[in-house]
Amino acid sequence: MSGQSYDELMAKIAELQQQAEAVRRSELEAVIADVRAKIKKYNLSAADVGLSGGGSARKASRPASAKIKIAPGKYRNPATGEIKEVGAAGRKPGWLTALGADELAAARVG
């Protein structure tokens, strides 16, 4: 090992972090000026570089026509044997909402 204690190494790390932050702050003004010049030169907008709407790049959203469809689940009523398709939206039949997790798993068809 290096012969230095943990506390000595942690103190050295803290000192180096302070130095790095000081250098970052000193370079920041030049970096910002450079970025602004390039934005002006190429006539870029925030959206062009992925910064619109909150500061992070976002994936393109799907068109409204490409909504995700959830296939309905099929369940068998344990009392009558009736098979019912139940989608994500809408009211579920009373017998289905009354089932516990184990009973619901057992009632699932397919």
PDB file of N, CA and C in Angstrom:
ATOM      1  N   MET A   1       0.826  -1.191   0.000  1.00  0.00           N
ATOM      2  CA  MET A   1       0.000   0.000   0.000  1.00  0.00           C
ATOM      3  C   MET A   1       0.869   1.254   0.000  1.00  0.00           C
ATOM      4  N   SER A   2       0.234   2.383   0.027  1.00  0.00           N
ATOM      5  CA  SER A   2       0.962   3.642  -0.107  1.00  0.00           C
ATOM      6  C   SER A   2       1.518   4.161   1.209  1.00  0.00           C
ATOM      7  N   GLY A   3       1.132   3.572   2.312  1.00  0.00           N
ATOM      8  CA  GLY A   3       1.624   4.031   3.599  1.00  0.00           C
ATOM      9  C   GLY A   3       0.831   5.195   4.162  1.00  0.00           C
ATOM     10  N   GLN A   4      -0.206   5.618   3.471  1.00  0.00           N
ATOM     11  CA  GLN A   4      -1.038   6.710   3.960  1.00  0.00           C
ATOM     12  C   GLN A   4      -2.278   6.131   4.627  1.00  0.00           C
ATOM     13  N   SER A   5      -2.765   6.840   5.622  1.00  0.00           N
ATOM     14  CA  SER A   5      -3.965   6.375   6.312  1.00  0.00           C
ATOM     15  C   SER A   5      -5.208   6.767   5.512  1.00  0.00           C
ATOM     16  N   TYR A   6      -6.295   6.160   5.886  1.00  0.00           N
ATOM     17  CA  TYR A   6      -7.580   6.455   5.241  1.00  0.00           C
ATOM     18  C   TYR A   6      -7.917   7.937   5.383  1.00  0.00           C
ATOM     19  N   ASP A   7      -7.724   8.482   6.570  1.00  0.00           N
ATOM     20  CA  ASP A   7      -8.037   9.897   6.805  1.00  0.00           C
ATOM     21  C   ASP A   7      -7.175  10.812   5.934  1.00  0.00           C
ATOM     22  N   GLU A   8      -5.907  10.453   5.769  1.00  0.00           N
ATOM     23  CA  GLU A   8      -5.024  11.259   4.922  1.00  0.00           C
ATOM     24  C   GLU A   8      -5.486  11.218   3.465  1.00  0.00           C
ATOM     25  N   LEU A   9      -5.863  10.034   3.017  1.00  0.00           N
ATOM     26  CA  LEU A   9      -6.344   9.910   1.639  1.00  0.00           C
ATOM     27  C   LEU A   9      -7.651  10.675   1.432  1.00  0.00           C
ATOM     28  N   MET A  10      -8.555  10.611   2.402  1.00  0.00           N
ATOM     29  CA  MET A  10      -9.822  11.339   2.285  1.00  0.00           C
ATOM     30  C   MET A  10      -9.576  12.849   2.271  1.00  0.00           C
ATOM     31  N   ALA A  11      -8.625  13.326   3.048  1.00  0.00           N
ATOM     32  CA  ALA A  11      -8.287  14.752   3.056  1.00  0.00           C
ATOM     33  C   ALA A  11      -7.714  15.162   1.700  1.00  0.00           C
ATOM     34  N   LYS A  12      -6.884  14.288   1.128  1.00  0.00           N
ATOM     35  CA  LYS A  12      -6.301  14.574  -0.183  1.00  0.00           C
ATOM     36  C   LYS A  12      -7.394  14.608  -1.257  1.00  0.00           C
ATOM     37  N   ILE A  13      -8.354  13.683  -1.161  1.00  0.00           N
ATOM     38  CA  ILE A  13      -9.477  13.657  -2.109  1.00  0.00           C
ATOM     39  C   ILE A  13     -10.277  14.950  -2.013  1.00  0.00           C
ATOM     40  N   ALA A  14     -10.565  15.394  -0.799  1.00  0.00           N
ATOM     41  CA  ALA A  14     -11.326  16.629  -0.607  1.00  0.00           C
ATOM     42  C   ALA A  14     -10.581  17.822  -1.195  1.00  0.00           C
ATOM     43  N   GLU A  15      -9.274  17.856  -0.991  1.00  0.00           N
ATOM     44  CA  GLU A  15      -8.461  18.947  -1.534  1.00  0.00           C
ATOM     45  C   GLU A  15      -8.481  18.932  -3.062  1.00  0.00           C
ATOM     46  N   LEU A  16      -8.358  17.740  -3.650  1.00  0.00           N
ATOM     47  CA  LEU A  16      -8.388  17.628  -5.110  1.00  0.00           C
ATOM     48  C   LEU A  16      -9.756  18.001  -5.676  1.00  0.00           C
ATOM     49  N   GLN A  17     -10.821  17.652  -4.961  1.00  0.00           N
ATOM     50  CA  GLN A  17     -12.159  18.031  -5.415  1.00  0.00           C
ATOM     51  C   GLN A  17     -12.322  19.546  -5.406  1.00  0.00           C
ATOM     52  N   GLN A  18     -11.778  20.201  -4.400  1.00  0.00           N
ATOM     53  CA  GLN A  18     -11.839  21.663  -4.348  1.00  0.00           C
ATOM     54  C   GLN A  18     -11.054  22.273  -5.502  1.00  0.00           C
ATOM     55  N   GLN A  19      -9.893  21.721  -5.789  1.00  0.00           N
ATOM     56  CA  GLN A  19      -9.085  22.219  -6.904  1.00  0.00           C
ATOM     57  C   GLN A  19      -9.818  22.016  -8.231  1.00  0.00           C
ATOM     58  N   ALA A  20     -10.431  20.848  -8.397  1.00  0.00           N
ATOM     59  CA  ALA A  20     -11.160  20.560  -9.634  1.00  0.00           C
ATOM     60  C   ALA A  20     -12.324  21.527  -9.810  1.00  0.00           C
ATOM     61  N   GLU A  21     -13.030  21.825  -8.738  1.00  0.00           N
ATOM     62  CA  GLU A  21     -14.154  22.757  -8.818  1.00  0.00           C
ATOM     63  C   GLU A  21     -13.668  24.162  -9.165  1.00  0.00           C
ATOM     64  N   ALA A  22     -12.544  24.570  -8.626  1.00  0.00           N
ATOM     65  CA  ALA A  22     -11.990  25.888  -8.939  1.00  0.00           C
ATOM     66  C   ALA A  22     -11.610  25.973 -10.420  1.00  0.00           C
ATOM     67  N   VAL A  23     -11.006  24.925 -10.951  1.00  0.00           N
ATOM     68  CA  VAL A  23     -10.643  24.903 -12.372  1.00  0.00           C
ATOM     69  C   VAL A  23     -11.897  24.906 -13.234  1.00  0.00           C
ATOM     70  N   ARG A  24     -12.901  24.129 -12.828  1.00  0.00           N
ATOM     71  CA  ARG A  24     -14.163  24.092 -13.580  1.00  0.00           C
ATOM     72  C   ARG A  24     -14.780  25.480 -13.651  1.00  0.00           C
ATOM     73  N   ARG A  25     -14.831  26.166 -12.509  1.00  0.00           N
ATOM     74  CA  ARG A  25     -15.409  27.514 -12.486  1.00  0.00           C
ATOM     75  C   ARG A  25     -14.617  28.473 -13.368  1.00  0.00           C
ATOM     76  N   SER A  26     -13.290  28.337 -13.380  1.00  0.00           N
ATOM     77  CA  SER A  26     -12.479  29.244 -14.193  1.00  0.00           C
ATOM     78  C   SER A  26     -12.662  28.974 -15.688  1.00  0.00           C
ATOM     79  N   GLU A  27     -12.937  27.739 -16.071  1.00  0.00           N
ATOM     80  CA  GLU A  27     -13.131  27.390 -17.484  1.00  0.00           C
ATOM     81  C   GLU A  27     -14.571  27.591 -17.946  1.00  0.00           C
ATOM     82  N   LEU A  28     -15.483  27.689 -17.012  1.00  0.00           N
ATOM     83  CA  LEU A  28     -16.905  27.726 -17.336  1.00  0.00           C
ATOM     84  C   LEU A  28     -17.286  28.906 -18.230  1.00  0.00           C
ATOM     85  N   GLU A  29     -16.776  30.072 -17.954  1.00  0.00           N
ATOM     86  CA  GLU A  29     -17.129  31.258 -18.732  1.00  0.00           C
ATOM     87  C   GLU A  29     -16.742  31.088 -20.200  1.00  0.00           C
ATOM     88  N   ALA A  30     -15.557  30.552 -20.449  1.00  0.00           N
ATOM     89  CA  ALA A  30     -15.102  30.345 -21.824  1.00  0.00           C
ATOM     90  C   ALA A  30     -15.947  29.287 -22.529  1.00  0.00           C
ATOM     91  N   VAL A  31     -16.310  28.244 -21.819  1.00  0.00           N
ATOM     92  CA  VAL A  31     -17.131  27.182 -22.403  1.00  0.00           C
ATOM     93  C   VAL A  31     -18.507  27.728 -22.778  1.00  0.00           C
ATOM     94  N   ILE A  32     -19.107  28.492 -21.880  1.00  0.00           N
ATOM     95  CA  ILE A  32     -20.432  29.064 -22.153  1.00  0.00           C
ATOM     96  C   ILE A  32     -20.368  30.010 -23.343  1.00  0.00           C
ATOM     97  N   ALA A  33     -19.344  30.822 -23.414  1.00  0.00           N
ATOM     98  CA  ALA A  33     -19.196  31.744 -24.546  1.00  0.00           C
ATOM     99  C   ALA A  33     -19.057  30.968 -25.855  1.00  0.00           C
ATOM    100  N   ASP A  34     -18.298  29.881 -25.828  1.00  0.00           N
ATOM    101  CA  ASP A  34     -18.109  29.050 -27.021  1.00  0.00           C
ATOM    102  C   ASP A  34     -19.432  28.414 -27.457  1.00  0.00           C
ATOM    103  N   VAL A  35     -20.176  27.892 -26.507  1.00  0.00           N
ATOM    104  CA  VAL A  35     -21.462  27.260 -26.822  1.00  0.00           C
ATOM    105  C   VAL A  35     -22.428  28.295 -27.391  1.00  0.00           C
ATOM    106  N   ARG A  36     -22.490  29.463 -26.777  1.00  0.00           N
ATOM    107  CA  ARG A  36     -23.382  30.520 -27.274  1.00  0.00           C
ATOM    108  C   ARG A  36     -23.011  30.933 -28.699  1.00  0.00           C
ATOM    109  N   ALA A  37     -21.720  31.024 -28.976  1.00  0.00           N
ATOM    110  CA  ALA A  37     -21.275  31.400 -30.324  1.00  0.00           C
ATOM    111  C   ALA A  37     -21.702  30.349 -31.348  1.00  0.00           C
ATOM    112  N   LYS A  38     -21.570  29.080 -30.987  1.00  0.00           N
ATOM    113  CA  LYS A  38     -21.962  28.016 -31.917  1.00  0.00           C
ATOM    114  C   LYS A  38     -23.473  27.977 -32.106  1.00  0.00           C
ATOM    115  N   ILE A  39     -24.230  28.227 -31.053  1.00  0.00           N
ATOM    116  CA  ILE A  39     -25.691  28.272 -31.172  1.00  0.00           C
ATOM    117  C   ILE A  39     -26.094  29.383 -32.131  1.00  0.00           C
ATOM    118  N   LYS A  40     -25.454  30.529 -31.979  1.00  0.00           N
ATOM    119  CA  LYS A  40     -25.768  31.667 -32.851  1.00  0.00           C
ATOM    120  C   LYS A  40     -25.333  31.384 -34.288  1.00  0.00           C
ATOM    121  N   LYS A  41     -24.144  30.821 -34.458  1.00  0.00           N
ATOM    122  CA  LYS A  41     -23.602  30.547 -35.791  1.00  0.00           C
ATOM    123  C   LYS A  41     -24.493  29.584 -36.569  1.00  0.00           C
ATOM    124  N   TYR A  42     -24.959  28.532 -35.909  1.00  0.00           N
ATOM    125  CA  TYR A  42     -25.747  27.507 -36.580  1.00  0.00           C
ATOM    126  C   TYR A  42     -27.252  27.701 -36.407  1.00  0.00           C
ATOM    127  N   ASN A  43     -27.647  28.798 -35.759  1.00  0.00           N
ATOM    128  CA  ASN A  43     -29.058  29.134 -35.556  1.00  0.00           C
ATOM    129  C   ASN A  43     -29.814  27.962 -34.907  1.00  0.00           C
ATOM    130  N   LEU A  44     -29.280  27.469 -33.807  1.00  0.00           N
ATOM    131  CA  LEU A  44     -29.866  26.328 -33.115  1.00  0.00           C
ATOM    132  C   LEU A  44     -30.874  26.783 -32.073  1.00  0.00           C
ATOM    133  N   SER A  45     -31.866  25.936 -31.852  1.00  0.00           N
ATOM    134  CA  SER A  45     -32.825  26.182 -30.771  1.00  0.00           C
ATOM    135  C   SER A  45     -32.585  25.150 -29.681  1.00  0.00           C
ATOM    136  N   ALA A  46     -33.244  25.350 -28.547  1.00  0.00           N
ATOM    137  CA  ALA A  46     -33.115  24.392 -27.447  1.00  0.00           C
ATOM    138  C   ALA A  46     -33.613  23.013 -27.880  1.00  0.00           C
ATOM    139  N   ALA A  47     -34.665  22.991 -28.683  1.00  0.00           N
ATOM    140  CA  ALA A  47     -35.207  21.712 -29.157  1.00  0.00           C
ATOM    141  C   ALA A  47     -34.213  21.002 -30.078  1.00  0.00           C
ATOM    142  N   ASP A  48     -33.439  21.769 -30.856  1.00  0.00           N
ATOM    143  CA  ASP A  48     -32.458  21.163 -31.757  1.00  0.00           C
ATOM    144  C   ASP A  48     -31.407  20.355 -31.005  1.00  0.00           C
ATOM    145  N   VAL A  49     -31.079  20.790 -29.815  1.00  0.00           N
ATOM    146  CA  VAL A  49     -30.049  20.096 -29.044  1.00  0.00           C
ATOM    147  C   VAL A  49     -30.636  19.272 -27.902  1.00  0.00           C
ATOM    148  N   GLY A  50     -31.948  19.066 -27.936  1.00  0.00           N
ATOM    149  CA  GLY A  50     -32.596  18.198 -26.958  1.00  0.00           C
ATOM    150  C   GLY A  50     -32.799  18.824 -25.602  1.00  0.00           C
ATOM    151  N   LEU A  51     -32.947  20.141 -25.542  1.00  0.00           N
ATOM    152  CA  LEU A  51     -33.098  20.804 -24.248  1.00  0.00           C
ATOM    153  C   LEU A  51     -34.477  21.408 -24.029  1.00  0.00           C
ATOM    154  N   SER A  52     -35.425  21.134 -24.896  1.00  0.00           N
ATOM    155  CA  SER A  52     -36.742  21.741 -24.723  1.00  0.00           C
ATOM    156  C   SER A  52     -37.550  21.000 -23.676  1.00  0.00           C
ATOM    157  N   GLY A  53     -38.372  21.712 -22.950  1.00  0.00           N
ATOM    158  CA  GLY A  53     -39.309  21.106 -22.014  1.00  0.00           C
ATOM    159  C   GLY A  53     -38.690  20.519 -20.770  1.00  0.00           C
ATOM    160  N   GLY A  54     -37.803  21.191 -20.121  1.00  0.00           N
ATOM    161  CA  GLY A  54     -37.350  20.716 -18.830  1.00  0.00           C
ATOM    162  C   GLY A  54     -35.880  20.375 -18.756  1.00  0.00           C
ATOM    163  N   GLY A  55     -35.138  20.576 -19.801  1.00  0.00           N
ATOM    164  CA  GLY A  55     -33.707  20.431 -19.694  1.00  0.00           C
ATOM    165  C   GLY A  55     -33.148  19.056 -19.964  1.00  0.00           C
ATOM    166  N   SER A  56     -33.945  18.116 -20.418  1.00  0.00           N
ATOM    167  CA  SER A  56     -33.382  16.815 -20.741  1.00  0.00           C
ATOM    168  C   SER A  56     -33.896  16.371 -22.098  1.00  0.00           C
ATOM    169  N   ALA A  57     -33.077  15.628 -22.784  1.00  0.00           N
ATOM    170  CA  ALA A  57     -33.487  15.125 -24.092  1.00  0.00           C
ATOM    171  C   ALA A  57     -34.626  14.133 -23.909  1.00  0.00           C
ATOM    172  N   ARG A  58     -35.618  14.245 -24.757  1.00  0.00           N
ATOM    173  CA  ARG A  58     -36.772  13.361 -24.655  1.00  0.00           C
ATOM    174  C   ARG A  58     -36.947  12.600 -25.954  1.00  0.00           C
ATOM    175  N   LYS A  59     -37.509  11.428 -25.836  1.00  0.00           N
ATOM    176  CA  LYS A  59     -37.803  10.646 -27.024  1.00  0.00           C
ATOM    177  C   LYS A  59     -39.032  11.229 -27.698  1.00  0.00           C
ATOM    178  N   ALA A  60     -39.094  11.068 -28.991  1.00  0.00           N
ATOM    179  CA  ALA A  60     -40.258  11.544 -29.724  1.00  0.00           C
ATOM    180  C   ALA A  60     -41.485  10.771 -29.262  1.00  0.00           C
ATOM    181  N   SER A  61     -42.569  11.491 -29.053  1.00  0.00           N
ATOM    182  CA  SER A  61     -43.776  10.818 -28.596  1.00  0.00           C
ATOM    183  C   SER A  61     -44.475  10.146 -29.767  1.00  0.00           C
ATOM    184  N   ARG A  62     -45.262   9.150 -29.450  1.00  0.00           N
ATOM    185  CA  ARG A  62     -46.003   8.431 -30.481  1.00  0.00           C
ATOM    186  C   ARG A  62     -47.179   9.269 -30.948  1.00  0.00           C
ATOM    187  N   PRO A  63     -47.553   9.118 -32.196  1.00  0.00           N
ATOM    188  CA  PRO A  63     -48.760   9.801 -32.648  1.00  0.00           C
ATOM    189  C   PRO A  63     -49.981   9.224 -31.937  1.00  0.00           C
ATOM    190  N   ALA A  64     -51.035  10.006 -31.862  1.00  0.00           N
ATOM    191  CA  ALA A  64     -52.235   9.587 -31.142  1.00  0.00           C
ATOM    192  C   ALA A  64     -52.816   8.301 -31.714  1.00  0.00           C
ATOM    193  N   SER A  65     -52.615   8.076 -33.000  1.00  0.00           N
ATOM    194  CA  SER A  65     -53.172   6.877 -33.624  1.00  0.00           C
ATOM    195  C   SER A  65     -52.429   5.607 -33.220  1.00  0.00           C
ATOM    196  N   ALA A  66     -51.267   5.743 -32.598  1.00  0.00           N
ATOM    197  CA  ALA A  66     -50.462   4.582 -32.237  1.00  0.00           C
ATOM    198  C   ALA A  66     -50.580   4.255 -30.751  1.00  0.00           C
ATOM    199  N   LYS A  67     -51.767   4.416 -30.189  1.00  0.00           N
ATOM    200  CA  LYS A  67     -51.959   4.118 -28.772  1.00  0.00           C
ATOM    201  C   LYS A  67     -51.755   2.633 -28.511  1.00  0.00           C
ATOM    202  N   ILE A  68     -51.262   2.350 -27.348  1.00  0.00           N
ATOM    203  CA  ILE A  68     -51.046   0.964 -26.956  1.00  0.00           C
ATOM    204  C   ILE A  68     -52.390   0.354 -26.588  1.00  0.00           C
ATOM    205  N   LYS A  69     -52.665  -0.789 -27.162  1.00  0.00           N
ATOM    206  CA  LYS A  69     -53.906  -1.481 -26.827  1.00  0.00           C
ATOM    207  C   LYS A  69     -53.582  -2.619 -25.879  1.00  0.00           C
ATOM    208  N   ILE A  70     -54.362  -2.709 -24.846  1.00  0.00           N
ATOM    209  CA  ILE A  70     -54.184  -3.771 -23.869  1.00  0.00           C
ATOM    210  C   ILE A  70     -55.223  -4.841 -24.152  1.00  0.00           C
ATOM    211  N   ALA A  71     -54.742  -6.041 -24.361  1.00  0.00           N
ATOM    212  CA  ALA A  71     -55.661  -7.139 -24.639  1.00  0.00           C
ATOM    213  C   ALA A  71     -56.461  -7.449 -23.380  1.00  0.00           C
ATOM    214  N   PRO A  72     -57.749  -7.689 -23.547  1.00  0.00           N
ATOM    215  CA  PRO A  72     -58.548  -7.992 -22.365  1.00  0.00           C
ATOM    216  C   PRO A  72     -58.168  -9.347 -21.782  1.00  0.00           C
ATOM    217  N   GLY A  73     -58.283  -9.439 -20.486  1.00  0.00           N
ATOM    218  CA  GLY A  73     -58.050 -10.716 -19.827  1.00  0.00           C
ATOM    219  C   GLY A  73     -59.335 -11.527 -19.841  1.00  0.00           C
ATOM    220  N   LYS A  74     -59.218 -12.820 -19.889  1.00  0.00           N
ATOM    221  CA  LYS A  74     -60.399 -13.681 -19.865  1.00  0.00           C
ATOM    222  C   LYS A  74     -60.442 -14.391 -18.521  1.00  0.00           C
ATOM    223  N   TYR A  75     -61.596 -14.300 -17.885  1.00  0.00           N
ATOM    224  CA  TYR A  75     -61.779 -14.907 -16.577  1.00  0.00           C
ATOM    225  C   TYR A  75     -63.037 -15.766 -16.581  1.00  0.00           C
ATOM    226  N   ARG A  76     -62.977 -16.867 -15.847  1.00  0.00           N
ATOM    227  CA  ARG A  76     -64.130 -17.759 -15.738  1.00  0.00           C
ATOM    228  C   ARG A  76     -64.779 -17.534 -14.374  1.00  0.00           C
ATOM    229  N   ASN A  77     -66.079 -17.242 -14.406  1.00  0.00           N
ATOM    230  CA  ASN A  77     -66.841 -17.071 -13.177  1.00  0.00           C
ATOM    231  C   ASN A  77     -66.906 -18.428 -12.484  1.00  0.00           C
ATOM    232  N   PRO A  78     -66.369 -18.533 -11.275  1.00  0.00           N
ATOM    233  CA  PRO A  78     -66.346 -19.834 -10.613  1.00  0.00           C
ATOM    234  C   PRO A  78     -67.743 -20.370 -10.294  1.00  0.00           C
ATOM    235  N   ALA A  79     -68.714 -19.495 -10.150  1.00  0.00           N
ATOM    236  CA  ALA A  79     -70.063 -19.942  -9.796  1.00  0.00           C
ATOM    237  C   ALA A  79     -70.833 -20.450 -11.008  1.00  0.00           C
ATOM    238  N   THR A  80     -70.707 -19.762 -12.142  1.00  0.00           N
ATOM    239  CA  THR A  80     -71.524 -20.112 -13.307  1.00  0.00           C
ATOM    240  C   THR A  80     -70.723 -20.736 -14.438  1.00  0.00           C
ATOM    241  N   GLY A  81     -69.411 -20.580 -14.435  1.00  0.00           N
ATOM    242  CA  GLY A  81     -68.590 -21.091 -15.520  1.00  0.00           C
ATOM    243  C   GLY A  81     -68.528 -20.148 -16.714  1.00  0.00           C
ATOM    244  N   GLU A  82     -69.213 -19.004 -16.626  1.00  0.00           N
ATOM    245  CA  GLU A  82     -69.233 -18.027 -17.711  1.00  0.00           C
ATOM    246  C   GLU A  82     -67.835 -17.429 -17.884  1.00  0.00           C
ATOM    247  N   ILE A  83     -67.409 -17.276 -19.141  1.00  0.00           N
ATOM    248  CA  ILE A  83     -66.125 -16.653 -19.430  1.00  0.00           C
ATOM    249  C   ILE A  83     -66.379 -15.200 -19.802  1.00  0.00           C
ATOM    250  N   LYS A  84     -65.665 -14.307 -19.147  1.00  0.00           N
ATOM    251  CA  LYS A  84     -65.855 -12.872 -19.342  1.00  0.00           C
ATOM    252  C   LYS A  84     -64.528 -12.243 -19.737  1.00  0.00           C
ATOM    253  N   GLU A  85     -64.539 -11.439 -20.812  1.00  0.00           N
ATOM    254  CA  GLU A  85     -63.352 -10.674 -21.188  1.00  0.00           C
ATOM    255  C   GLU A  85     -63.390  -9.356 -20.437  1.00  0.00           C
ATOM    256  N   VAL A  86     -62.314  -9.053 -19.744  1.00  0.00           N
ATOM    257  CA  VAL A  86     -62.262  -7.841 -18.939  1.00  0.00           C
ATOM    258  C   VAL A  86     -61.048  -7.037 -19.370  1.00  0.00           C
ATOM    259  N   GLY A  87     -61.285  -5.826 -19.884  1.00  0.00           N
ATOM    260  CA  GLY A  87     -60.196  -4.956 -20.310  1.00  0.00           C
ATOM    261  C   GLY A  87     -59.705  -4.089 -19.168  1.00  0.00           C
ATOM    262  N   ALA A  88     -58.746  -3.224 -19.482  1.00  0.00           N
ATOM    263  CA  ALA A  88     -58.174  -2.348 -18.467  1.00  0.00           C
ATOM    264  C   ALA A  88     -59.148  -1.248 -18.072  1.00  0.00           C
ATOM    265  N   ALA A  89     -59.977  -0.826 -19.015  1.00  0.00           N
ATOM    266  CA  ALA A  89     -60.920   0.247 -18.739  1.00  0.00           C
ATOM    267  C   ALA A  89     -62.303  -0.347 -18.499  1.00  0.00           C
ATOM    268  N   GLY A  90     -63.102   0.377 -17.801  1.00  0.00           N
ATOM    269  CA  GLY A  90     -64.474  -0.061 -17.582  1.00  0.00           C
ATOM    270  C   GLY A  90     -64.651  -0.760 -16.251  1.00  0.00           C
ATOM    271  N   ARG A  91     -65.890  -0.974 -15.946  1.00  0.00           N
ATOM    272  CA  ARG A  91     -66.242  -1.588 -14.668  1.00  0.00           C
ATOM    273  C   ARG A  91     -66.102  -3.104 -14.757  1.00  0.00           C
ATOM    274  N   LYS A  92     -65.514  -3.666 -13.751  1.00  0.00           N
ATOM    275  CA  LYS A  92     -65.346  -5.111 -13.702  1.00  0.00           C
ATOM    276  C   LYS A  92     -66.565  -5.727 -13.017  1.00  0.00           C
ATOM    277  N   PRO A  93     -66.922  -6.927 -13.398  1.00  0.00           N
ATOM    278  CA  PRO A  93     -68.073  -7.564 -12.763  1.00  0.00           C
ATOM    279  C   PRO A  93     -67.829  -7.781 -11.269  1.00  0.00           C
ATOM    280  N   GLY A  94     -68.893  -7.760 -10.504  1.00  0.00           N
ATOM    281  CA  GLY A  94     -68.798  -7.891  -9.055  1.00  0.00           C
ATOM    282  C   GLY A  94     -68.104  -9.165  -8.618  1.00  0.00           C
ATOM    283  N   TRP A  95     -68.411 -10.270  -9.290  1.00  0.00           N
ATOM    284  CA  TRP A  95     -67.790 -11.529  -8.892  1.00  0.00           C
ATOM    285  C   TRP A  95     -66.284 -11.500  -9.099  1.00  0.00           C
ATOM    286  N   LEU A  96     -65.820 -10.709 -10.085  1.00  0.00           N
ATOM    287  CA  LEU A  96     -64.390 -10.637 -10.360  1.00  0.00           C
ATOM    288  C   LEU A  96     -63.676  -9.768  -9.328  1.00  0.00           C
ATOM    289  N   THR A  97     -64.294  -8.664  -8.949  1.00  0.00           N
ATOM    290  CA  THR A  97     -63.662  -7.783  -7.963  1.00  0.00           C
ATOM    291  C   THR A  97     -63.633  -8.416  -6.583  1.00  0.00           C
ATOM    292  N   ALA A  98     -64.529  -9.369  -6.333  1.00  0.00           N
ATOM    293  CA  ALA A  98     -64.595 -10.016  -5.026  1.00  0.00           C
ATOM    294  C   ALA A  98     -63.538 -11.107  -4.861  1.00  0.00           C
ATOM    295  N   LEU A  99     -62.894 -11.520  -5.951  1.00  0.00           N
ATOM    296  CA  LEU A  99     -61.916 -12.602  -5.870  1.00  0.00           C
ATOM    297  C   LEU A  99     -60.605 -12.120  -5.264  1.00  0.00           C
ATOM    298  N   GLY A 100     -59.975 -12.978  -4.494  1.00  0.00           N
ATOM    299  CA  GLY A 100     -58.646 -12.693  -3.959  1.00  0.00           C
ATOM    300  C   GLY A 100     -57.599 -12.984  -5.021  1.00  0.00           C
ATOM    301  N   ALA A 101     -56.344 -12.727  -4.712  1.00  0.00           N
ATOM    302  CA  ALA A 101     -55.264 -12.899  -5.687  1.00  0.00           C
ATOM    303  C   ALA A 101     -55.145 -14.346  -6.152  1.00  0.00           C
ATOM    304  N   ASP A 102     -55.237 -15.294  -5.232  1.00  0.00           N
ATOM    305  CA  ASP A 102     -55.126 -16.706  -5.609  1.00  0.00           C
ATOM    306  C   ASP A 102     -56.317 -17.139  -6.452  1.00  0.00           C
ATOM    307  N   GLU A 103     -57.499 -16.706  -6.041  1.00  0.00           N
ATOM    308  CA  GLU A 103     -58.707 -17.064  -6.785  1.00  0.00           C
ATOM    309  C   GLU A 103     -58.698 -16.420  -8.170  1.00  0.00           C
ATOM    310  N   LEU A 104     -58.188 -15.189  -8.242  1.00  0.00           N
ATOM    311  CA  LEU A 104     -58.120 -14.486  -9.516  1.00  0.00           C
ATOM    312  C   LEU A 104     -57.182 -15.212 -10.478  1.00  0.00           C
ATOM    313  N   ALA A 105     -56.052 -15.660  -9.967  1.00  0.00           N
ATOM    314  CA  ALA A 105     -55.108 -16.402 -10.806  1.00  0.00           C
ATOM    315  C   ALA A 105     -55.728 -17.710 -11.282  1.00  0.00           C
ATOM    316  N   ALA A 106     -56.482 -18.348 -10.420  1.00  0.00           N
ATOM    317  CA  ALA A 106     -57.118 -19.613 -10.794  1.00  0.00           C
ATOM    318  C   ALA A 106     -58.240 -19.397 -11.798  1.00  0.00           C
ATOM    319  N   ALA A 107     -58.902 -18.246 -11.740  1.00  0.00           N
ATOM    320  CA  ALA A 107     -60.024 -17.967 -12.632  1.00  0.00           C
ATOM    321  C   ALA A 107     -59.570 -17.511 -14.010  1.00  0.00           C
ATOM    322  N   ARG A 108     -58.327 -17.123 -14.141  1.00  0.00           N
ATOM    323  CA  ARG A 108     -57.828 -16.623 -15.430  1.00  0.00           C
ATOM    324  C   ARG A 108     -57.822 -17.745 -16.459  1.00  0.00           C
ATOM    325  N   VAL A 109     -58.324 -17.442 -17.646  1.00  0.00           N
ATOM    326  CA  VAL A 109     -58.395 -18.408 -18.738  1.00  0.00           C
ATOM    327  C   VAL A 109     -57.347 -18.015 -19.770  1.00  0.00           C
ATOM    328  N   GLY A 110     -56.545 -18.961 -20.199  1.00  0.00           N
ATOM    329  CA  GLY A 110     -55.590 -18.704 -21.284  1.00  0.00           C
ATOM    330  C   GLY A 110     -54.335 -18.128 -20.890  1.00  0.00           C
TER     331      GLY A 110
END
